[in-house]
Amino acid sequence: MPKFLIKGKYQPEGARGLLKDGGTARRDAVEKSVKALGGTIESFYFAYGDTDVVVIVDAPDANAGLALSLAVNASGVVHISTIPLITAAEMDKACKTTVSYRAPGA
């Protein structure tokens, strides 16, 4: 299953909802959404600074990761960045793939 690193920043309304419902309720709500897409949560952490929440998700495919990102961002109460994670073996395969490319101006 593809893995995604999700970094989120709560908007004021989202932070108010988190204060009202608490962290475990928020984690459970996210887990329910991920499970409905056929995925699982590997880890879920709250943070502070530029990022309020960090989640690593195993999703069945890229479509599920994209659908989750769209739904969450469309809510308007949290903004997330969804970053595909690449294994070392996947990187090895990419390193061995020949690409025909001409740099601009070359």
Protein backbone atom coordinates (compact mmCIF):
# COMPACT_ATOMS: atom_id res chain seq x y z
CA MET A 1 0.00 0.00 0.00
CA PRO A 2 1.27 3.50 -0.74
CA LYS A 3 2.14 5.60 2.29
CA PHE A 4 1.39 9.28 2.66
CA LEU A 5 2.71 11.83 5.14
CA ILE A 6 -0.07 14.27 5.95
CA LYS A 7 0.83 17.56 7.62
CA GLY A 8 -2.04 19.74 8.79
CA LYS A 9 -2.59 23.27 10.03
CA TYR A 10 -5.87 24.00 11.82
CA GLN A 11 -7.77 27.13 10.89
CA PRO A 12 -9.46 28.98 13.80
CA GLU A 13 -12.74 27.05 13.44
CA GLY A 14 -10.84 23.74 13.32
CA ALA A 15 -8.85 24.64 16.44
CA ARG A 16 -12.10 25.48 18.24
CA GLY A 17 -13.49 22.08 17.23
CA LEU A 18 -10.35 20.37 18.50
CA LEU A 19 -10.63 22.21 21.83
CA LYS A 20 -14.28 21.15 22.11
CA ASP A 21 -13.92 17.47 21.15
CA GLY A 22 -10.34 16.69 22.18
CA GLY A 23 -7.44 14.94 20.52
CA THR A 24 -8.57 11.32 20.72
CA ALA A 25 -11.95 12.16 19.18
CA ARG A 26 -10.17 13.92 16.29
CA ARG A 27 -7.83 10.97 15.80
CA ASP A 28 -10.80 8.58 15.81
CA ALA A 29 -12.65 10.70 13.22
CA VAL A 30 -9.63 10.71 10.92
CA GLU A 31 -9.15 6.98 11.39
CA LYS A 32 -12.80 6.37 10.45
CA SER A 33 -12.37 8.35 7.22
CA VAL A 34 -9.16 6.55 6.32
CA LYS A 35 -10.69 3.12 7.03
CA ALA A 36 -13.69 3.97 4.84
CA LEU A 37 -11.22 4.45 1.96
CA GLY A 38 -9.65 1.06 2.66
CA GLY A 39 -6.60 2.42 4.44
CA THR A 40 -5.04 2.48 7.88
CA ILE A 41 -3.26 5.00 10.07
CA GLU A 42 0.32 4.08 10.89
CA SER A 43 0.83 7.03 13.24
CA PHE A 44 -0.99 10.16 14.36
CA TYR A 45 0.62 13.00 16.29
CA PHE A 46 -0.31 16.53 17.26
CA ALA A 47 2.42 19.16 17.11
CA TYR A 48 2.76 22.92 17.40
CA GLY A 49 4.50 25.56 15.37
CA ASP A 50 3.95 25.54 11.60
CA THR A 51 2.31 22.10 11.76
CA ASP A 52 -0.55 21.16 14.10
CA VAL A 53 -0.99 17.51 13.15
CA VAL A 54 1.14 14.84 11.47
CA VAL A 55 -0.35 11.59 10.21
CA ILE A 56 1.18 8.70 8.28
CA VAL A 57 -1.48 6.87 6.29
CA ASP A 58 -1.37 3.60 4.37
CA ALA A 59 -3.84 3.98 1.52
CA PRO A 60 -4.88 1.42 -1.08
CA ASP A 61 -3.78 3.68 -3.94
CA ALA A 62 -2.97 7.25 -4.96
CA ASN A 63 -6.65 7.94 -5.67
CA ALA A 64 -7.55 7.29 -2.02
CA GLY A 65 -4.79 9.64 -0.84
CA LEU A 66 -5.93 12.35 -3.24
CA ALA A 67 -9.61 11.91 -2.31
CA LEU A 68 -8.78 12.25 1.39
CA SER A 69 -6.72 15.37 0.74
CA LEU A 70 -9.50 16.98 -1.30
CA ALA A 71 -12.20 16.20 1.27
CA VAL A 72 -10.19 17.51 4.22
CA ASN A 73 -9.05 20.69 2.46
CA ALA A 74 -12.58 21.33 1.16
CA SER A 75 -13.82 21.41 4.78
CA GLY A 76 -12.04 24.75 5.23
CA VAL A 77 -11.25 24.07 8.90
CA VAL A 78 -7.86 22.50 8.36
CA HIS A 79 -5.34 22.78 5.54
CA ILE A 80 -3.30 19.66 4.83
CA SER A 81 -0.38 18.82 2.61
CA THR A 82 -0.35 15.21 1.47
CA ILE A 83 3.11 13.93 0.60
CA PRO A 84 3.64 10.51 -1.03
CA LEU A 85 6.35 8.55 0.78
CA ILE A 86 8.81 6.50 -1.28
CA THR A 87 10.56 3.38 -0.03
CA ALA A 88 14.27 2.76 -0.55
CA ALA A 89 13.43 -0.08 -2.97
CA GLU A 90 11.17 2.24 -5.00
CA MET A 91 14.00 4.78 -5.12
CA ASP A 92 16.41 2.08 -6.31
CA LYS A 93 14.02 1.21 -9.14
CA ALA A 94 13.69 4.88 -10.14
CA CYS A 95 17.49 5.30 -10.08
CA LYS A 96 17.80 2.44 -12.59
CA THR A 97 15.12 3.83 -14.92
CA THR A 98 16.53 5.53 -18.00
CA VAL A 99 14.96 8.89 -18.80
CA SER A 100 15.40 10.71 -22.10
CA TYR A 101 15.54 14.37 -21.10
CA ARG A 102 16.99 17.55 -22.56
CA ALA A 103 17.61 20.41 -20.14
CA PRO A 104 16.26 23.84 -21.12
CA GLY A 105 18.74 25.63 -23.35
CA ALA A 106 20.88 22.51 -23.89
